[in-house]
């Protein structure tokens, strides 16, 4: 067997591939979330902004690996929702309106 054949890795295929930009209307941000599951059993969730990236990885071939991935995702969702609530609590009505989160306040009639 030649050295080239020994070093050649099996190329896995992606069976799930979803990417979304976190601020799709922004011309300043390339922040994104990218989720993949490969046929070799690798599950990867990558959250990135312009400067940094976090990768959550799990072996998706075993029951334990799948349980662990679900637990990681549940905790991420929970903590993101807590953080979101805190961020929203610190925003003015104007910011919330501009972000599409609430209706504009009606002016009081004199």
PDB file of N, CA and C in Angstrom:
ATOM      1  N   UNK A   1       0.850  -1.171   0.000  1.00  0.00           N
ATOM      2  CA  UNK A   1       0.000   0.000   0.000  1.00  0.00           C
ATOM      3  C   UNK A   1       0.895   1.234   0.000  1.00  0.00           C
ATOM      4  N   UNK A   2       0.554   2.180  -0.852  1.00  0.00           N
ATOM      5  CA  UNK A   2       1.367   3.392  -0.935  1.00  0.00           C
ATOM      6  C   UNK A   2       1.064   4.313   0.240  1.00  0.00           C
ATOM      7  N   UNK A   3       1.976   5.255   0.490  1.00  0.00           N
ATOM      8  CA  UNK A   3       1.810   6.215   1.583  1.00  0.00           C
ATOM      9  C   UNK A   3       0.573   7.077   1.358  1.00  0.00           C
ATOM     10  N   UNK A   4       0.285   7.407   0.119  1.00  0.00           N
ATOM     11  CA  UNK A   4      -0.878   8.240  -0.188  1.00  0.00           C
ATOM     12  C   UNK A   4      -2.167   7.535   0.217  1.00  0.00           C
ATOM     13  N   UNK A   5      -2.244   6.227  -0.005  1.00  0.00           N
ATOM     14  CA  UNK A   5      -3.441   5.473   0.362  1.00  0.00           C
ATOM     15  C   UNK A   5      -3.573   5.348   1.873  1.00  0.00           C
ATOM     16  N   UNK A   6      -2.450   5.208   2.581  1.00  0.00           N
ATOM     17  CA  UNK A   6      -2.487   5.107   4.033  1.00  0.00           C
ATOM     18  C   UNK A   6      -3.011   6.392   4.676  1.00  0.00           C
ATOM     19  N   UNK A   7      -2.612   7.526   4.129  1.00  0.00           N
ATOM     20  CA  UNK A   7      -2.987   8.817   4.706  1.00  0.00           C
ATOM     21  C   UNK A   7      -4.345   9.323   4.234  1.00  0.00           C
ATOM     22  N   UNK A   8      -4.898   8.685   3.234  1.00  0.00           N
ATOM     23  CA  UNK A   8      -6.187   9.129   2.710  1.00  0.00           C
ATOM     24  C   UNK A   8      -7.287   8.757   3.707  1.00  0.00           C
ATOM     25  N   UNK A   9      -8.003   9.762   4.170  1.00  0.00           N
ATOM     26  CA  UNK A   9      -9.076   9.527   5.130  1.00  0.00           C
ATOM     27  C   UNK A   9     -10.394   9.346   4.404  1.00  0.00           C
ATOM     28  N   UNK A  10     -11.280   8.590   5.033  1.00  0.00           N
ATOM     29  CA  UNK A  10     -12.638   8.455   4.520  1.00  0.00           C
ATOM     30  C   UNK A  10     -13.327   9.804   4.647  1.00  0.00           C
ATOM     31  N   UNK A  11     -13.827  10.325   3.572  1.00  0.00           N
ATOM     32  CA  UNK A  11     -14.519  11.610   3.604  1.00  0.00           C
ATOM     33  C   UNK A  11     -15.974  11.359   3.975  1.00  0.00           C
ATOM     34  N   UNK A  12     -16.393  11.955   5.086  1.00  0.00           N
ATOM     35  CA  UNK A  12     -17.777  11.760   5.512  1.00  0.00           C
ATOM     36  C   UNK A  12     -18.689  12.740   4.795  1.00  0.00           C
ATOM     37  N   UNK A  13     -19.923  12.356   4.659  1.00  0.00           N
ATOM     38  CA  UNK A  13     -20.921  13.192   4.006  1.00  0.00           C
ATOM     39  C   UNK A  13     -21.815  13.817   5.065  1.00  0.00           C
ATOM     40  N   UNK A  14     -22.258  15.001   4.781  1.00  0.00           N
ATOM     41  CA  UNK A  14     -23.133  15.714   5.705  1.00  0.00           C
ATOM     42  C   UNK A  14     -24.569  15.291   5.435  1.00  0.00           C
ATOM     43  N   UNK A  15     -25.261  14.831   6.494  1.00  0.00           N
ATOM     44  CA  UNK A  15     -26.649  14.405   6.352  1.00  0.00           C
ATOM     45  C   UNK A  15     -27.622  15.468   6.851  1.00  0.00           C
ATOM     46  N   UNK A  16     -27.113  16.433   7.613  1.00  0.00           N
ATOM     47  CA  UNK A  16     -27.899  17.583   8.055  1.00  0.00           C
ATOM     48  C   UNK A  16     -26.967  18.772   8.007  1.00  0.00           C
ATOM     49  N   UNK A  17     -27.405  19.873   7.400  1.00  0.00           N
ATOM     50  CA  UNK A  17     -26.550  21.036   7.244  1.00  0.00           C
ATOM     51  C   UNK A  17     -27.427  22.284   7.217  1.00  0.00           C
ATOM     52  N   UNK A  18     -27.387  23.066   8.297  1.00  0.00           N
ATOM     53  CA  UNK A  18     -28.224  24.256   8.395  1.00  0.00           C
ATOM     54  C   UNK A  18     -27.361  25.418   8.875  1.00  0.00           C
ATOM     55  N   UNK A  19     -27.367  26.525   8.142  1.00  0.00           N
ATOM     56  CA  UNK A  19     -26.621  27.713   8.532  1.00  0.00           C
ATOM     57  C   UNK A  19     -27.530  28.927   8.437  1.00  0.00           C
ATOM     58  N   UNK A  20     -27.463  29.758   9.477  1.00  0.00           N
ATOM     59  CA  UNK A  20     -28.244  30.998   9.493  1.00  0.00           C
ATOM     60  C   UNK A  20     -27.376  32.114  10.042  1.00  0.00           C
ATOM     61  N   UNK A  21     -27.529  33.291   9.463  1.00  0.00           N
ATOM     62  CA  UNK A  21     -26.849  34.461   9.993  1.00  0.00           C
ATOM     63  C   UNK A  21     -27.657  34.994  11.162  1.00  0.00           C
ATOM     64  N   UNK A  22     -26.968  35.388  12.229  1.00  0.00           N
ATOM     65  CA  UNK A  22     -27.641  35.829  13.447  1.00  0.00           C
ATOM     66  C   UNK A  22     -28.222  37.236  13.314  1.00  0.00           C
ATOM     67  N   UNK A  23     -27.648  38.044  12.460  1.00  0.00           N
ATOM     68  CA  UNK A  23     -28.161  39.394  12.206  1.00  0.00           C
ATOM     69  C   UNK A  23     -28.236  39.582  10.689  1.00  0.00           C
ATOM     70  N   UNK A  24     -29.197  38.913  10.040  1.00  0.00           N
ATOM     71  CA  UNK A  24     -29.217  38.883   8.573  1.00  0.00           C
ATOM     72  C   UNK A  24     -29.390  40.245   7.908  1.00  0.00           C
ATOM     73  N   UNK A  25     -29.923  41.212   8.623  1.00  0.00           N
ATOM     74  CA  UNK A  25     -30.128  42.535   8.032  1.00  0.00           C
ATOM     75  C   UNK A  25     -28.961  43.486   8.272  1.00  0.00           C
ATOM     76  N   UNK A  26     -27.957  43.025   8.984  1.00  0.00           N
ATOM     77  CA  UNK A  26     -26.806  43.866   9.302  1.00  0.00           C
ATOM     78  C   UNK A  26     -25.732  43.749   8.230  1.00  0.00           C
ATOM     79  N   UNK A  27     -25.221  44.895   7.798  1.00  0.00           N
ATOM     80  CA  UNK A  27     -24.098  44.869   6.856  1.00  0.00           C
ATOM     81  C   UNK A  27     -22.770  44.805   7.611  1.00  0.00           C
ATOM     82  N   UNK A  28     -22.828  44.890   8.933  1.00  0.00           N
ATOM     83  CA  UNK A  28     -21.617  44.901   9.749  1.00  0.00           C
ATOM     84  C   UNK A  28     -21.301  43.553  10.380  1.00  0.00           C
ATOM     85  N   UNK A  29     -22.239  42.624  10.376  1.00  0.00           N
ATOM     86  CA  UNK A  29     -22.065  41.381  11.115  1.00  0.00           C
ATOM     87  C   UNK A  29     -22.068  40.162  10.210  1.00  0.00           C
ATOM     88  N   UNK A  30     -21.118  39.282  10.466  1.00  0.00           N
ATOM     89  CA  UNK A  30     -21.089  37.976   9.802  1.00  0.00           C
ATOM     90  C   UNK A  30     -21.401  36.868  10.808  1.00  0.00           C
ATOM     91  N   UNK A  31     -21.947  37.241  11.977  1.00  0.00           N
ATOM     92  CA  UNK A  31     -22.262  36.266  13.014  1.00  0.00           C
ATOM     93  C   UNK A  31     -23.230  35.225  12.453  1.00  0.00           C
ATOM     94  N   UNK A  32     -22.962  33.965  12.809  1.00  0.00           N
ATOM     95  CA  UNK A  32     -23.774  32.882  12.243  1.00  0.00           C
ATOM     96  C   UNK A  32     -23.834  31.703  13.204  1.00  0.00           C
ATOM     97  N   UNK A  33     -24.815  30.860  12.958  1.00  0.00           N
ATOM     98  CA  UNK A  33     -24.915  29.569  13.629  1.00  0.00           C
ATOM     99  C   UNK A  33     -24.954  28.513  12.530  1.00  0.00           C
ATOM    100  N   UNK A  34     -24.149  27.476  12.705  1.00  0.00           N
ATOM    101  CA  UNK A  34     -24.027  26.449  11.677  1.00  0.00           C
ATOM    102  C   UNK A  34     -24.093  25.083  12.368  1.00  0.00           C
ATOM    103  N   UNK A  35     -25.044  24.278  11.980  1.00  0.00           N
ATOM    104  CA  UNK A  35     -25.237  22.955  12.575  1.00  0.00           C
ATOM    105  C   UNK A  35     -25.080  21.887  11.501  1.00  0.00           C
ATOM    106  N   UNK A  36     -24.339  20.825  11.858  1.00  0.00           N
ATOM    107  CA  UNK A  36     -24.125  19.725  10.920  1.00  0.00           C
ATOM    108  C   UNK A  36     -24.188  18.396  11.653  1.00  0.00           C
ATOM    109  N   UNK A  37     -24.707  17.396  10.966  1.00  0.00           N
ATOM    110  CA  UNK A  37     -24.569  16.007  11.398  1.00  0.00           C
ATOM    111  C   UNK A  37     -24.020  15.253  10.190  1.00  0.00           C
ATOM    112  N   UNK A  38     -22.910  14.572  10.422  1.00  0.00           N
ATOM    113  CA  UNK A  38     -22.262  13.839   9.339  1.00  0.00           C
ATOM    114  C   UNK A  38     -22.616  12.355   9.422  1.00  0.00           C
ATOM    115  N   UNK A  39     -22.470  11.672   8.305  1.00  0.00           N
ATOM    116  CA  UNK A  39     -22.811  10.248   8.287  1.00  0.00           C
ATOM    117  C   UNK A  39     -21.852   9.402   9.117  1.00  0.00           C
ATOM    118  N   UNK A  40     -20.712   9.963   9.547  1.00  0.00           N
ATOM    119  CA  UNK A  40     -19.806   9.228  10.428  1.00  0.00           C
ATOM    120  C   UNK A  40     -20.204   9.344  11.897  1.00  0.00           C
ATOM    121  N   UNK A  41     -21.317  10.052  12.158  1.00  0.00           N
ATOM    122  CA  UNK A  41     -21.808  10.171  13.516  1.00  0.00           C
ATOM    123  C   UNK A  41     -21.316  11.384  14.274  1.00  0.00           C
ATOM    124  N   UNK A  42     -20.716  12.321  13.592  1.00  0.00           N
ATOM    125  CA  UNK A  42     -20.253  13.546  14.224  1.00  0.00           C
ATOM    126  C   UNK A  42     -21.359  14.597  14.147  1.00  0.00           C
ATOM    127  N   UNK A  43     -21.702  15.154  15.306  1.00  0.00           N
ATOM    128  CA  UNK A  43     -22.674  16.251  15.364  1.00  0.00           C
ATOM    129  C   UNK A  43     -21.919  17.496  15.807  1.00  0.00           C
ATOM    130  N   UNK A  44     -22.047  18.586  15.052  1.00  0.00           N
ATOM    131  CA  UNK A  44     -21.301  19.811  15.327  1.00  0.00           C
ATOM    132  C   UNK A  44     -22.244  21.006  15.269  1.00  0.00           C
ATOM    133  N   UNK A  45     -22.165  21.831  16.294  1.00  0.00           N
ATOM    134  CA  UNK A  45     -22.879  23.111  16.316  1.00  0.00           C
ATOM    135  C   UNK A  45     -21.824  24.187  16.489  1.00  0.00           C
ATOM    136  N   UNK A  46     -21.737  25.120  15.550  1.00  0.00           N
ATOM    137  CA  UNK A  46     -20.757  26.195  15.615  1.00  0.00           C
ATOM    138  C   UNK A  46     -21.503  27.527  15.646  1.00  0.00           C
ATOM    139  N   UNK A  47     -21.173  28.330  16.652  1.00  0.00           N
ATOM    140  CA  UNK A  47     -21.716  29.679  16.777  1.00  0.00           C
ATOM    141  C   UNK A  47     -20.532  30.628  16.652  1.00  0.00           C
ATOM    142  N   UNK A  48     -20.608  31.550  15.707  1.00  0.00           N
ATOM    143  CA  UNK A  48     -19.459  32.424  15.486  1.00  0.00           C
ATOM    144  C   UNK A  48     -19.902  33.853  15.219  1.00  0.00           C
ATOM    145  N   UNK A  49     -19.005  34.769  15.575  1.00  0.00           N
ATOM    146  CA  UNK A  49     -19.192  36.167  15.200  1.00  0.00           C
ATOM    147  C   UNK A  49     -17.968  36.549  14.369  1.00  0.00           C
ATOM    148  N   UNK A  50     -17.732  37.822  14.213  1.00  0.00           N
ATOM    149  CA  UNK A  50     -16.618  38.250  13.364  1.00  0.00           C
ATOM    150  C   UNK A  50     -15.253  37.900  13.948  1.00  0.00           C
ATOM    151  N   UNK A  51     -15.172  37.719  15.261  1.00  0.00           N
ATOM    152  CA  UNK A  51     -13.882  37.528  15.910  1.00  0.00           C
ATOM    153  C   UNK A  51     -13.645  36.142  16.499  1.00  0.00           C
ATOM    154  N   UNK A  52     -14.692  35.483  16.955  1.00  0.00           N
ATOM    155  CA  UNK A  52     -14.531  34.222  17.679  1.00  0.00           C
ATOM    156  C   UNK A  52     -15.558  33.192  17.242  1.00  0.00           C
ATOM    157  N   UNK A  53     -15.269  31.956  17.649  1.00  0.00           N
ATOM    158  CA  UNK A  53     -16.174  30.864  17.315  1.00  0.00           C
ATOM    159  C   UNK A  53     -16.182  29.860  18.459  1.00  0.00           C
ATOM    160  N   UNK A  54     -17.360  29.295  18.715  1.00  0.00           N
ATOM    161  CA  UNK A  54     -17.507  28.229  19.701  1.00  0.00           C
ATOM    162  C   UNK A  54     -18.055  27.019  18.955  1.00  0.00           C
ATOM    163  N   UNK A  55     -17.432  25.873  19.199  1.00  0.00           N
ATOM    164  CA  UNK A  55     -17.881  24.655  18.535  1.00  0.00           C
ATOM    165  C   UNK A  55     -18.294  23.651  19.600  1.00  0.00           C
ATOM    166  N   UNK A  56     -19.531  23.185  19.491  1.00  0.00           N
ATOM    167  CA  UNK A  56     -20.048  22.127  20.350  1.00  0.00           C
ATOM    168  C   UNK A  56     -20.036  20.856  19.503  1.00  0.00           C
ATOM    169  N   UNK A  57     -19.331  19.842  19.991  1.00  0.00           N
ATOM    170  CA  UNK A  57     -19.139  18.630  19.222  1.00  0.00           C
ATOM    171  C   UNK A  57     -19.595  17.430  20.040  1.00  0.00           C
ATOM    172  N   UNK A  58     -20.169  16.456  19.374  1.00  0.00           N
ATOM    173  CA  UNK A  58     -20.499  15.187  20.030  1.00  0.00           C
ATOM    174  C   UNK A  58     -20.452  14.047  19.046  1.00  0.00           C
ATOM    175  N   UNK A  59     -20.116  12.889  19.593  1.00  0.00           N
ATOM    176  CA  UNK A  59     -20.223  11.637  18.852  1.00  0.00           C
ATOM    177  C   UNK A  59     -21.699  11.263  18.880  1.00  0.00           C
ATOM    178  N   UNK A  60     -22.284  11.117  17.733  1.00  0.00           N
ATOM    179  CA  UNK A  60     -23.717  10.857  17.618  1.00  0.00           C
ATOM    180  C   UNK A  60     -23.996   9.382  17.329  1.00  0.00           C
ATOM    181  N   UNK A  61     -22.992   8.520  17.525  1.00  0.00           N
ATOM    182  CA  UNK A  61     -23.140   7.099  17.215  1.00  0.00           C
ATOM    183  C   UNK A  61     -23.683   6.276  18.370  1.00  0.00           C
ATOM    184  N   UNK A  62     -23.587   6.795  19.580  1.00  0.00           N
ATOM    185  CA  UNK A  62     -24.018   6.025  20.737  1.00  0.00           C
ATOM    186  C   UNK A  62     -25.208   6.694  21.421  1.00  0.00           C
ATOM    187  N   UNK A  63     -25.909   5.911  22.187  1.00  0.00           N
ATOM    188  CA  UNK A  63     -27.029   6.458  22.955  1.00  0.00           C
ATOM    189  C   UNK A  63     -26.537   7.533  23.915  1.00  0.00           C
ATOM    190  N   UNK A  64     -25.411   7.260  24.583  1.00  0.00           N
ATOM    191  CA  UNK A  64     -24.851   8.214  25.539  1.00  0.00           C
ATOM    192  C   UNK A  64     -24.441   9.517  24.850  1.00  0.00           C
ATOM    193  N   UNK A  65     -23.855   9.405  23.666  1.00  0.00           N
ATOM    194  CA  UNK A  65     -23.462  10.595  22.903  1.00  0.00           C
ATOM    195  C   UNK A  65     -24.656  11.435  22.509  1.00  0.00           C
ATOM    196  N   UNK A  66     -25.735  10.770  22.106  1.00  0.00           N
ATOM    197  CA  UNK A  66     -26.956  11.493  21.734  1.00  0.00           C
ATOM    198  C   UNK A  66     -27.577  12.174  22.955  1.00  0.00           C
ATOM    199  N   UNK A  67     -27.590  11.467  24.089  1.00  0.00           N
ATOM    200  CA  UNK A  67     -28.126  12.058  25.322  1.00  0.00           C
ATOM    201  C   UNK A  67     -27.314  13.295  25.705  1.00  0.00           C
ATOM    202  N   UNK A  68     -25.995  13.172  25.637  1.00  0.00           N
ATOM    203  CA  UNK A  68     -25.122  14.291  25.985  1.00  0.00           C
ATOM    204  C   UNK A  68     -25.356  15.492  25.068  1.00  0.00           C
ATOM    205  N   UNK A  69     -25.529  15.248  23.765  1.00  0.00           N
ATOM    206  CA  UNK A  69     -25.772  16.351  22.832  1.00  0.00           C
ATOM    207  C   UNK A  69     -27.095  17.034  23.152  1.00  0.00           C
ATOM    208  N   UNK A  70     -28.130  16.260  23.434  1.00  0.00           N
ATOM    209  CA  UNK A  70     -29.428  16.840  23.792  1.00  0.00           C
ATOM    210  C   UNK A  70     -29.294  17.677  25.065  1.00  0.00           C
ATOM    211  N   UNK A  71     -28.550  17.169  26.060  1.00  0.00           N
ATOM    212  CA  UNK A  71     -28.350  17.922  27.300  1.00  0.00           C
ATOM    213  C   UNK A  71     -27.614  19.236  27.044  1.00  0.00           C
ATOM    214  N   UNK A  72     -26.595  19.206  26.201  1.00  0.00           N
ATOM    215  CA  UNK A  72     -25.860  20.428  25.857  1.00  0.00           C
ATOM    216  C   UNK A  72     -26.783  21.433  25.172  1.00  0.00           C
ATOM    217  N   UNK A  73     -27.569  20.954  24.212  1.00  0.00           N
ATOM    218  CA  UNK A  73     -28.470  21.847  23.484  1.00  0.00           C
ATOM    219  C   UNK A  73     -29.538  22.433  24.404  1.00  0.00           C
ATOM    220  N   UNK A  74     -30.099  21.602  25.288  1.00  0.00           N
ATOM    221  CA  UNK A  74     -31.108  22.097  26.234  1.00  0.00           C
ATOM    222  C   UNK A  74     -30.530  23.183  27.132  1.00  0.00           C
ATOM    223  N   UNK A  75     -29.313  22.989  27.626  1.00  0.00           N
ATOM    224  CA  UNK A  75     -28.691  23.981  28.494  1.00  0.00           C
ATOM    225  C   UNK A  75     -28.387  25.266  27.724  1.00  0.00           C
ATOM    226  N   UNK A  76     -27.924  25.140  26.483  1.00  0.00           N
ATOM    227  CA  UNK A  76     -27.688  26.327  25.658  1.00  0.00           C
ATOM    228  C   UNK A  76     -28.973  27.126  25.465  1.00  0.00           C
ATOM    229  N   UNK A  77     -30.049  26.450  25.102  1.00  0.00           N
ATOM    230  CA  UNK A  77     -31.338  27.120  24.891  1.00  0.00           C
ATOM    231  C   UNK A  77     -31.791  27.811  26.174  1.00  0.00           C
ATOM    232  N   UNK A  78     -31.678  27.122  27.305  1.00  0.00           N
ATOM    233  CA  UNK A  78     -32.096  27.692  28.584  1.00  0.00           C
ATOM    234  C   UNK A  78     -31.290  28.948  28.917  1.00  0.00           C
ATOM    235  N   UNK A  79     -29.981  28.865  28.791  1.00  0.00           N
ATOM    236  CA  UNK A  79     -29.132  30.003  29.145  1.00  0.00           C
ATOM    237  C   UNK A  79     -29.280  31.160  28.156  1.00  0.00           C
ATOM    238  N   UNK A  80     -29.467  30.851  26.888  1.00  0.00           N
ATOM    239  CA  UNK A  80     -29.709  31.911  25.900  1.00  0.00           C
ATOM    240  C   UNK A  80     -31.019  32.618  26.212  1.00  0.00           C
ATOM    241  N   UNK A  81     -32.050  31.874  26.586  1.00  0.00           N
ATOM    242  CA  UNK A  81     -33.333  32.501  26.932  1.00  0.00           C
ATOM    243  C   UNK A  81     -33.218  33.382  28.170  1.00  0.00           C
ATOM    244  N   UNK A  82     -32.454  32.949  29.194  1.00  0.00           N
ATOM    245  CA  UNK A  82     -32.227  33.789  30.372  1.00  0.00           C
ATOM    246  C   UNK A  82     -31.504  35.078  29.984  1.00  0.00           C
ATOM    247  N   UNK A  83     -30.462  34.940  29.172  1.00  0.00           N
ATOM    248  CA  UNK A  83     -29.691  36.104  28.740  1.00  0.00           C
ATOM    249  C   UNK A  83     -30.549  37.040  27.892  1.00  0.00           C
ATOM    250  N   UNK A  84     -31.352  36.475  27.004  1.00  0.00           N
ATOM    251  CA  UNK A  84     -32.253  37.267  26.159  1.00  0.00           C
ATOM    252  C   UNK A  84     -33.213  38.080  27.018  1.00  0.00           C
ATOM    253  N   UNK A  85     -33.796  37.452  28.045  1.00  0.00           N
ATOM    254  CA  UNK A  85     -34.725  38.163  28.927  1.00  0.00           C
ATOM    255  C   UNK A  85     -34.018  39.331  29.619  1.00  0.00           C
ATOM    256  N   UNK A  86     -32.788  39.121  30.054  1.00  0.00           N
ATOM    257  CA  UNK A  86     -32.026  40.195  30.710  1.00  0.00           C
ATOM    258  C   UNK A  86     -31.734  41.330  29.730  1.00  0.00           C
ATOM    259  N   UNK A  87     -31.324  40.976  28.520  1.00  0.00           N
ATOM    260  CA  UNK A  87     -31.046  42.004  27.498  1.00  0.00           C
ATOM    261  C   UNK A  87     -32.311  42.800  27.200  1.00  0.00           C
ATOM    262  N   UNK A  88     -33.432  42.108  26.993  1.00  0.00           N
ATOM    263  CA  UNK A  88     -34.688  42.799  26.700  1.00  0.00           C
ATOM    264  C   UNK A  88     -35.117  43.708  27.850  1.00  0.00           C
ATOM    265  N   UNK A  89     -34.846  43.290  29.086  1.00  0.00           N
ATOM    266  CA  UNK A  89     -35.238  44.108  30.236  1.00  0.00           C
ATOM    267  C   UNK A  89     -34.447  45.411  30.303  1.00  0.00           C
ATOM    268  N   UNK A  90     -33.320  45.460  29.637  1.00  0.00           N
ATOM    269  CA  UNK A  90     -32.471  46.654  29.656  1.00  0.00           C
ATOM    270  C   UNK A  90     -32.651  47.546  28.425  1.00  0.00           C
ATOM    271  N   UNK A  91     -33.564  47.182  27.552  1.00  0.00           N
ATOM    272  CA  UNK A  91     -33.787  47.960  26.335  1.00  0.00           C
ATOM    273  C   UNK A  91     -34.937  48.944  26.524  1.00  0.00           C
ATOM    274  N   UNK A  92     -34.822  50.067  25.850  1.00  0.00           N
ATOM    275  CA  UNK A  92     -35.897  51.050  25.866  1.00  0.00           C
ATOM    276  C   UNK A  92     -36.994  50.617  24.909  1.00  0.00           C
ATOM    277  N   UNK A  93     -38.160  51.241  25.026  1.00  0.00           N
ATOM    278  CA  UNK A  93     -39.260  50.927  24.104  1.00  0.00           C
ATOM    279  C   UNK A  93     -38.858  51.202  22.661  1.00  0.00           C
ATOM    280  N   UNK A  94     -38.095  52.268  22.451  1.00  0.00           N
ATOM    281  CA  UNK A  94     -37.666  52.615  21.099  1.00  0.00           C
ATOM    282  C   UNK A  94     -36.801  51.505  20.496  1.00  0.00           C
ATOM    283  N   UNK A  95     -35.845  51.000  21.274  1.00  0.00           N
ATOM    284  CA  UNK A  95     -34.969  49.936  20.782  1.00  0.00           C
ATOM    285  C   UNK A  95     -35.784  48.679  20.499  1.00  0.00           C
ATOM    286  N   UNK A  96     -36.690  48.341  21.402  1.00  0.00           N
ATOM    287  CA  UNK A  96     -37.530  47.160  21.196  1.00  0.00           C
ATOM    288  C   UNK A  96     -38.386  47.313  19.944  1.00  0.00           C
ATOM    289  N   UNK A  97     -38.927  48.508  19.734  1.00  0.00           N
ATOM    290  CA  UNK A  97     -39.731  48.762  18.534  1.00  0.00           C
ATOM    291  C   UNK A  97     -38.876  48.613  17.276  1.00  0.00           C
ATOM    292  N   UNK A  98     -37.693  49.227  17.277  1.00  0.00           N
ATOM    293  CA  UNK A  98     -36.820  49.162  16.106  1.00  0.00           C
ATOM    294  C   UNK A  98     -36.340  47.738  15.833  1.00  0.00           C
ATOM    295  N   UNK A  99     -36.245  46.937  16.882  1.00  0.00           N
ATOM    296  CA  UNK A  99     -35.853  45.534  16.717  1.00  0.00           C
ATOM    297  C   UNK A  99     -37.049  44.648  16.370  1.00  0.00           C
ATOM    298  N   UNK A 100     -38.244  45.268  16.246  1.00  0.00           N
ATOM    299  CA  UNK A 100     -39.437  44.510  15.884  1.00  0.00           C
ATOM    300  C   UNK A 100     -40.017  43.694  17.016  1.00  0.00           C
ATOM    301  N   UNK A 101     -39.741  44.090  18.261  1.00  0.00           N
ATOM    302  CA  UNK A 101     -40.186  43.306  19.411  1.00  0.00           C
ATOM    303  C   UNK A 101     -41.446  43.835  20.072  1.00  0.00           C
ATOM    304  N   UNK A 102     -41.871  45.036  19.747  1.00  0.00           N
ATOM    305  CA  UNK A 102     -43.127  45.530  20.325  1.00  0.00           C
ATOM    306  C   UNK A 102     -43.685  46.643  19.462  1.00  0.00           C
ATOM    307  N   UNK A 103     -44.941  46.922  19.668  1.00  0.00           N
ATOM    308  CA  UNK A 103     -45.625  47.971  18.928  1.00  0.00           C
ATOM    309  C   UNK A 103     -45.231  49.336  19.486  1.00  0.00           C
ATOM    310  N   UNK A 104     -45.255  50.366  18.663  1.00  0.00           N
ATOM    311  CA  UNK A 104     -44.925  51.700  19.171  1.00  0.00           C
ATOM    312  C   UNK A 104     -45.957  52.149  20.197  1.00  0.00           C
ATOM    313  N   UNK A 105     -45.481  52.869  21.204  1.00  0.00           N
ATOM    314  CA  UNK A 105     -46.387  53.394  22.237  1.00  0.00           C
ATOM    315  C   UNK A 105     -47.258  54.482  21.620  1.00  0.00           C
ATOM    316  N   UNK A 106     -48.538  54.455  21.955  1.00  0.00           N
ATOM    317  CA  UNK A 106     -49.444  55.470  21.452  1.00  0.00           C
ATOM    318  C   UNK A 106     -49.270  56.741  22.278  1.00  0.00           C
ATOM    319  N   UNK A 107     -49.256  57.881  21.587  1.00  0.00           N
ATOM    320  CA  UNK A 107     -49.130  59.141  22.308  1.00  0.00           C
ATOM    321  C   UNK A 107     -50.444  59.436  23.006  1.00  0.00           C
ATOM    322  N   UNK A 108     -50.328  60.008  24.197  1.00  0.00           N
ATOM    323  CA  UNK A 108     -51.520  60.359  24.970  1.00  0.00           C
ATOM    324  C   UNK A 108     -52.168  61.603  24.365  1.00  0.00           C
ATOM    325  N   UNK A 109     -53.476  61.581  24.288  1.00  0.00           N
ATOM    326  CA  UNK A 109     -54.223  62.754  23.796  1.00  0.00           C
ATOM    327  C   UNK A 109     -54.341  63.772  24.914  1.00  0.00           C
ATOM    328  N   UNK A 110     -54.161  65.043  24.583  1.00  0.00           N
ATOM    329  CA  UNK A 110     -54.283  66.101  25.593  1.00  0.00           C
ATOM    330  C   UNK A 110     -55.678  66.633  25.627  1.00  0.00           C
TER     331      UNK A 110
END
